[in-house]
Amino acid sequence: MADMSSPAAKAYLDTLKSLQSGGAEKTAEVAPVSGPSFGSLVEQSLNSAIDAQHESESVSAKGLIGEANMTDVLQAVNDAEMALNTVIAIRDRVIEAYETILRTPM
């Protein structure tokens, strides 16, 4: 059986008892959140990475037909690569946090 001496376990048991007794009382007020949500920030970042990839493809195609400078092509490809690496790093951290939550004992 889990150790019930931790504050988190006591809080969990108190909440469970409160719900079983017929009502949950408000113990703390939650302040309204201002600004963009986490989901909208992630969506914005993903859209930015997708836009960088499209720009890279466009500049690369222009470079192949001689309409773009090689420096511009390299810069666009580098920007797209950095955006992709950022998205991968965020994905890895989200998965790591999720796995940590799954491993947390109740």
Foldseek 3Di string as FASTA:
>chain_A
DDDCPDPVNVVVVVQVVQVVVPHDDDPDDDDDDDDDDPVVVLVVLVVVLVVLVVVLVVQVVCVVVPNHDVVSNVVSVVVNVVSVVVNVVVVVVVVVVVVVVVPDDD
